[in-house]
Protein backbone atom coordinates (compact mmCIF):
# COMPACT_ATOMS: atom_id res chain seq x y z
CA GLU A 1 196.60 -2.83 -10.13
CA ARG A 2 194.65 -3.20 -6.91
CA LEU A 3 192.16 -5.99 -6.03
CA TYR A 4 189.26 -5.44 -3.64
CA PHE A 5 187.52 -8.44 -1.85
CA ASP A 6 184.22 -8.81 0.08
CA VAL A 7 185.24 -9.52 3.64
CA SER A 8 182.12 -11.61 4.23
CA THR A 9 182.35 -13.88 1.18
CA ALA A 10 186.05 -13.50 0.15
CA LEU A 11 184.76 -12.88 -3.45
CA LEU A 12 186.48 -10.34 -5.80
CA LYS A 13 184.46 -7.15 -5.91
CA MET A 14 186.68 -4.72 -7.78
CA ILE A 15 189.85 -4.26 -9.66
CA ARG A 16 191.31 -0.78 -9.87
CA ILE A 17 193.87 -0.11 -12.58
CA ASP A 18 196.03 3.09 -12.76
CA THR A 19 197.70 3.41 -16.17
CA PRO A 20 200.29 6.18 -16.73
CA THR A 21 200.07 8.08 -20.08
CA PRO A 22 201.76 11.10 -21.54
CA ILE A 23 198.76 13.23 -20.30
CA GLY A 24 198.46 11.88 -16.81
CA THR A 25 197.19 8.78 -14.96
CA ARG A 26 194.00 7.21 -16.22
CA VAL A 27 191.91 5.27 -13.77
CA GLU A 28 189.69 2.27 -14.55
CA GLU A 29 187.45 0.36 -12.16
CA ARG A 30 186.06 -3.08 -12.89
CA ARG A 31 183.24 -4.23 -10.49
CA PHE A 32 182.15 -7.88 -10.20
CA SER A 33 178.67 -8.86 -9.07
CA ASP A 34 175.82 -11.44 -9.53
CA TYR A 35 177.92 -14.41 -8.47
CA ARG A 36 176.48 -17.85 -9.23
CA PRO A 37 177.90 -21.34 -8.64
CA VAL A 38 179.14 -23.15 -11.60
CA ASN A 39 180.62 -26.69 -10.99
CA GLY A 40 181.29 -25.63 -7.43
CA VAL A 41 183.03 -22.37 -8.47
CA MET A 42 181.43 -18.88 -7.92
CA ILE A 43 181.40 -17.00 -11.19
CA PRO A 44 180.49 -13.28 -11.52
CA TYR A 45 177.73 -12.99 -14.16
CA LEU A 46 177.94 -9.16 -14.25
CA LEU A 47 181.04 -7.03 -14.87
CA THR A 48 180.68 -3.11 -14.69
CA SER A 49 183.53 -1.07 -16.07
CA HIS A 50 184.04 2.58 -15.12
CA TYR A 51 186.55 4.51 -17.23
CA MET A 52 186.65 8.35 -17.33
CA GLU A 53 183.11 9.37 -18.18
CA ASP A 54 182.14 5.98 -19.69
CA GLN A 55 180.39 3.05 -18.02
CA SER A 56 180.00 -0.40 -19.65
CA GLU A 57 178.20 -3.43 -18.58
CA PHE A 58 179.08 -7.04 -19.58
CA ARG A 59 176.67 -9.79 -18.74
CA VAL A 60 177.38 -13.50 -18.93
CA ALA A 61 174.71 -15.61 -20.37
CA THR A 62 176.11 -19.09 -19.80
CA VAL A 63 179.39 -20.64 -18.48
CA GLU A 64 180.79 -23.99 -19.62
CA VAL A 65 183.61 -25.56 -17.68
CA ASN A 66 186.23 -27.48 -19.80
CA PRO A 67 184.22 -27.94 -23.00
CA ALA A 68 185.68 -29.85 -25.95
CA ILE A 69 187.67 -27.47 -28.30
CA ASP A 70 188.90 -28.37 -31.68
CA ALA A 71 192.69 -28.35 -31.67
CA ARG A 72 192.68 -26.42 -35.04
CA THR A 73 191.49 -23.37 -33.16
CA PHE A 74 194.95 -22.92 -31.74
CA GLU A 75 196.68 -23.32 -35.14
CA ARG A 76 198.59 -20.01 -36.04
CA PRO A 77 198.78 -18.59 -39.46
CA ALA A 78 202.17 -18.05 -41.18
CA THR A 79 204.12 -15.75 -38.85
CA ASP A 80 204.43 -12.12 -39.79
CA PRO A 81 207.66 -10.48 -38.60
CA PHE A 82 205.56 -7.66 -36.90
CA ILE A 83 203.64 -10.00 -34.63
CA GLY A 84 204.62 -9.92 -31.08
CA GLU A 85 204.62 -7.64 -28.00
CA TRP A 86 206.69 -4.39 -28.24
CA LYS A 87 207.60 -2.29 -25.31
CA LEU A 88 208.62 1.41 -25.73
CA ASN A 89 212.33 2.32 -25.04
CA PRO A 90 211.75 5.98 -23.65
CA SER A 91 215.46 6.77 -23.95
CA LYS A 92 215.53 6.23 -27.69
CA SER A 93 212.15 7.92 -28.41
CA THR A 94 211.35 11.60 -29.21
CA VAL A 95 207.73 12.90 -28.85
CA LEU A 96 206.59 16.40 -29.01
CA ASP A 97 203.25 17.69 -27.87
CA GLN A 98 202.07 20.52 -30.11
CA MET A 99 199.22 22.94 -30.04
CA LYS A 100 198.32 25.53 -32.71
CA VAL A 101 196.00 28.49 -32.28
CA ASP A 102 195.17 30.79 -35.19
CA HIS A 103 193.25 34.00 -34.91
CA VAL A 104 190.42 33.88 -37.46
CA ALA A 105 188.55 37.13 -36.70
CA GLY A 106 187.28 39.00 -33.67
CA ASN A 107 187.11 36.63 -30.84
CA THR A 108 187.08 33.64 -33.15
CA TYR A 109 190.11 31.25 -33.12
CA ALA A 110 190.96 27.96 -34.76
CA PHE A 111 192.35 25.38 -32.44
CA ASP A 112 194.50 22.29 -33.30
CA LEU A 113 195.14 20.68 -29.94
CA GLY A 114 197.21 17.78 -31.25
CA ALA A 115 194.84 15.68 -33.26
CA GLY A 116 195.78 17.31 -36.50
CA LEU A 117 192.20 18.55 -36.94
CA VAL A 118 190.90 22.13 -36.32
CA GLU A 119 188.08 23.18 -34.05
CA THR A 120 186.94 26.66 -34.75
CA ILE A 121 185.64 28.24 -31.60
CA VAL A 122 184.32 31.60 -30.39
CA VAL A 123 186.12 32.61 -27.18
CA ASP A 124 182.89 33.41 -25.20
CA GLY A 125 182.68 30.57 -22.71
CA THR A 126 179.78 28.65 -24.46
CA ASP A 127 179.82 24.96 -25.26
CA GLN A 128 180.57 24.51 -28.96
CA PRO A 129 180.79 21.40 -31.23
CA GLY A 130 184.15 19.76 -30.99
CA LEU A 131 185.91 16.66 -32.21
CA ALA A 132 184.62 13.07 -31.74
CA GLY A 133 181.23 14.07 -30.23
CA THR A 134 182.62 16.41 -27.67
CA THR A 135 181.99 20.07 -26.94
CA LEU A 136 184.73 22.65 -26.36
CA SER A 137 184.49 26.05 -24.70
CA VAL A 138 187.13 28.74 -24.29
CA ALA A 139 186.56 31.79 -22.01
CA VAL A 140 188.64 34.76 -21.04
CA ASP A 141 189.38 34.49 -17.28
CA GLY A 142 191.38 37.72 -16.41
CA SER A 143 194.69 37.33 -18.19
CA LYS A 144 194.10 33.60 -18.78
CA TRP A 145 191.96 31.50 -20.99
CA LYS A 146 189.88 28.72 -19.54
CA VAL A 147 189.41 25.75 -21.75
CA VAL A 148 186.76 23.05 -20.98
CA ARG A 149 186.08 19.89 -23.00
CA LYS A 150 182.79 17.88 -22.31
CA LYS A 151 181.09 14.82 -23.66
CA ASP A 152 177.45 14.22 -23.11
CA GLY A 153 177.39 17.06 -20.71
CA HIS A 154 180.19 15.59 -18.44
CA ILE A 155 183.49 17.42 -18.08
CA LEU A 156 186.45 15.51 -19.47
CA LEU A 157 189.05 18.18 -18.81
CA THR A 158 189.68 21.69 -17.88
CA ALA A 159 192.72 23.82 -18.57
CA PHE A 160 193.88 27.36 -17.60
CA TRP A 161 196.24 28.88 -20.10
CA SER A 162 198.44 31.80 -19.38
CA VAL A 163 201.27 33.33 -21.62
CA SER A 164 204.37 34.72 -20.06
CA ASP A 165 205.20 38.44 -20.18
CA ASP A 166 207.70 38.04 -22.91
CA GLY A 167 205.20 35.96 -24.97
CA ARG A 168 207.57 33.01 -25.36
CA THR A 169 205.99 30.49 -22.87
CA LEU A 170 202.51 29.12 -22.40
CA THR A 171 201.63 27.47 -19.11
CA ASP A 172 198.71 24.93 -19.15
CA ASP A 173 197.28 24.05 -15.78
CA TYR A 174 195.52 20.87 -16.93
CA THR A 175 193.09 18.66 -15.13
CA GLU A 176 191.57 15.42 -16.62
CA PHE A 177 188.63 13.85 -14.84
CA GLY A 178 188.10 10.02 -14.59
CA ALA A 179 184.85 8.02 -14.38
CA THR A 180 184.52 8.65 -10.66
CA GLY A 181 184.88 12.42 -11.08
CA ALA A 182 188.36 12.47 -9.47
CA GLY A 183 190.75 14.72 -11.29
CA THR A 184 194.37 14.35 -12.26
CA THR A 185 196.28 17.75 -12.55
CA GLU A 186 199.44 18.64 -14.37
CA LYS A 187 201.27 21.83 -15.14
CA LEU A 188 202.36 21.67 -18.77
CA VAL A 189 204.88 24.28 -20.17
CA TYR A 190 205.00 25.01 -23.86
CA LYS A 191 207.51 27.08 -25.76
CA ARG A 192 206.41 29.26 -28.78
CA SER A 193 207.89 28.04 -32.12
CA ASP A 194 205.57 30.38 -34.21
CA GLY A 195 203.83 33.64 -33.60
CA THR A 196 204.79 36.67 -31.76
CA SER A 197 202.33 37.55 -28.94
CA GLY A 198 199.11 36.41 -27.26
CA PHE A 199 197.66 32.93 -27.37
CA ALA A 200 197.76 32.72 -31.21
CA GLY A 201 200.82 30.73 -32.45
CA THR A 202 202.25 27.36 -32.43
CA TRP A 203 203.30 25.84 -29.06
CA GLN A 204 205.42 22.83 -28.34
CA ARG A 205 206.83 20.83 -25.48
CA PRO A 206 208.80 17.52 -25.31
CA ILE A 207 206.90 14.72 -23.57
CA ASP A 208 209.28 13.39 -20.94
CA THR A 209 206.86 11.19 -19.13
CA LEU A 210 206.95 8.34 -21.60
CA THR A 211 207.57 4.93 -19.85
CA SER A 212 207.91 1.35 -20.86
CA ALA A 213 204.27 0.96 -19.82
CA TYR A 214 203.52 2.04 -23.52
CA VAL A 215 203.04 -1.44 -25.16
CA LEU A 216 202.08 -2.32 -28.68
CA LYS A 217 200.78 -5.83 -29.18
CA VAL A 218 200.52 -7.03 -32.78
CA THR A 219 198.52 -10.24 -33.63
CA PRO A 220 197.13 -11.80 -36.77
CA TYR A 221 193.68 -10.34 -37.95
CA GLU A 222 191.60 -12.46 -40.05
CA THR A 223 193.50 -14.18 -42.79
CA ASP A 224 195.60 -11.35 -44.29
CA GLY A 225 195.70 -8.57 -41.77
CA LEU A 226 197.10 -7.30 -38.51
CA SER A 227 195.64 -6.16 -35.21
CA LEU A 228 197.58 -3.31 -33.63
CA ALA A 229 196.59 -3.01 -29.96
CA TYR A 230 197.95 -0.02 -28.10
CA LEU A 231 197.41 -1.42 -24.58
CA ALA A 232 198.19 1.66 -22.54
CA VAL A 233 195.69 3.89 -24.19
CA GLU A 234 193.22 1.11 -25.05
CA VAL A 235 192.93 1.62 -28.79
CA THR A 236 193.06 -1.19 -31.26
CA LYS A 237 193.43 -0.91 -35.09
CA ASN A 238 192.26 -4.00 -36.90
CA VAL A 239 193.45 -3.65 -40.51
CA ARG A 240 193.99 -5.58 -43.65
CA LEU A 241 197.09 -4.60 -45.57
CA ASP A 242 194.98 -3.25 -48.51
CA GLY A 243 195.09 0.48 -47.97
CA LYS A 244 191.41 0.62 -47.18
CA ASP A 245 189.93 2.27 -43.97
CA TYR A 246 188.80 0.16 -41.11
CA PRO A 247 187.16 1.44 -37.90
CA SER A 248 189.37 1.76 -34.96
CA ALA A 249 188.11 -0.05 -31.74
CA GLY A 250 188.71 0.23 -27.93
CA ARG A 251 187.62 2.34 -25.06
CA ASN A 252 189.52 5.36 -26.05
CA ALA A 253 189.06 5.20 -29.93
CA ALA A 254 187.74 8.53 -31.02
CA ARG A 255 184.25 8.56 -32.59
CA GLY A 256 184.70 8.23 -36.46
CA ALA A 257 188.30 7.09 -36.13
CA THR A 258 189.63 4.73 -38.84
CA ALA A 259 193.00 3.35 -39.87
CA SER A 260 194.34 2.04 -43.10
CA ALA A 261 197.54 0.06 -43.66
CA ARG A 262 199.69 -1.24 -46.57
CA ARG A 263 202.93 -3.24 -46.65
CA VAL A 264 205.86 -1.18 -48.04
CA SER A 265 208.34 -4.15 -47.80
CA ASP A 266 208.98 -7.28 -45.57
CA ARG A 267 210.10 -4.97 -42.87
CA ALA A 268 208.01 -1.90 -43.34
CA LEU A 269 204.36 -0.89 -43.11
CA GLU A 270 202.60 2.38 -43.54
CA VAL A 271 199.57 3.31 -41.44
CA THR A 272 197.27 6.20 -42.00
CA ASP A 273 194.86 7.42 -39.16
CA LYS A 274 191.77 9.39 -39.98
CA ILE A 275 188.80 11.00 -38.03
CA ASP A 276 185.54 11.45 -39.99
CA GLY A 277 187.45 10.79 -43.21
CA LYS A 278 190.23 13.44 -42.57
CA THR A 279 193.74 12.26 -42.19
CA THR A 280 195.26 13.05 -38.75
CA ASP A 281 198.56 11.33 -39.21
CA THR A 282 200.66 8.95 -41.27
CA GLN A 283 202.91 6.42 -39.67
CA GLN A 284 205.87 4.28 -40.96
CA LEU A 285 206.52 1.17 -38.95
CA THR A 286 209.95 -0.24 -39.66
CA LEU A 287 211.76 -3.34 -38.29
CA SER A 288 215.46 -3.57 -37.65
CA PRO A 289 217.32 -6.27 -39.80
CA ASP A 290 217.47 -8.49 -36.66
CA LEU A 291 213.64 -8.16 -36.23
CA LYS A 292 214.28 -7.04 -32.51
CA THR A 293 213.48 -3.28 -32.78
CA LEU A 294 210.43 -1.53 -34.18
CA THR A 295 210.60 2.16 -35.13
CA ILE A 296 207.42 4.09 -35.57
CA THR A 297 207.78 7.48 -37.24
CA ILE A 298 204.66 9.52 -36.79
CA HIS A 299 203.98 12.44 -39.14
CA PRO A 300 200.92 14.41 -37.58
CA VAL A 301 199.19 16.59 -40.17
CA GLY A 302 200.38 20.16 -40.04
CA ARG A 303 203.60 19.30 -38.19
CA ARG A 304 207.14 19.75 -39.59
CA ASP A 305 208.89 17.46 -37.07
CA PRO A 306 207.72 13.81 -36.69
CA ASN A 307 207.37 11.88 -33.40
CA ILE A 308 209.71 8.87 -33.24
CA LEU A 309 208.96 5.93 -31.01
CA THR A 310 211.47 3.06 -30.56
CA LEU A 311 210.10 -0.24 -29.32
CA GLU A 312 211.75 -3.54 -28.45
CA ARG A 313 210.51 -7.06 -28.18
């Protein structure tokens, strides 16, 4: 996190936050402006946030200093054992990144790029409807495939895929673009687990860039639910434990994303994620007997092997 100040006024102008994730560093910029004096303190009335291709503005209508607050506001409901802040222990976690490419007919292929949902794309380089309000294009570039995802006409990522001569390895030269247009590039190497040749098949790679920066914050939601805030990826699931679907929130929540939850036992929950009504994964959240360790077992749709995250208080 970096703070930038105006040299002439000493007022905070911008905060830049670099967040490591399994697919690269995500950059967010928060800019402060329209400062006004309130009880002798300069307060910014306008906050502009830039994150990847998204820009949001937050305007302050009024500011009160030290208003009277009813003490009952701070009363907590009965404590649920899941409530707290949980940090990932990478050494005890196992996560696989999996892509599936199925040949449909001619130059048409079905892509599951890890969300558990299929995008059927003609490999001709044109932008075609993709998941969560995006477009996806795939083009032949010599012996490689060029993959481009966009949202509202802006490029979110580009990838150049190449398959080794023996057909066992797929190399993904992957670039993700932030709000300022700056790109973060990684070379990802997948091993074939299904299929024989070409790009069609199932490809997997272990994610070894997980860090303790992955934090899950669980707080009460309304009177009988829980709020599951995944801080590193900025996605929050506000759910009642009734098995019903509730919209996911946050900057990186996919369009049409929902979550449902139910309590299996005092130390176990089951959460189901969906996009546009279609299940993408089911998760079991289990607490250790001493309530100090939380294990999340994630079963993505179409996957044999689950991802296992071990988090500690």
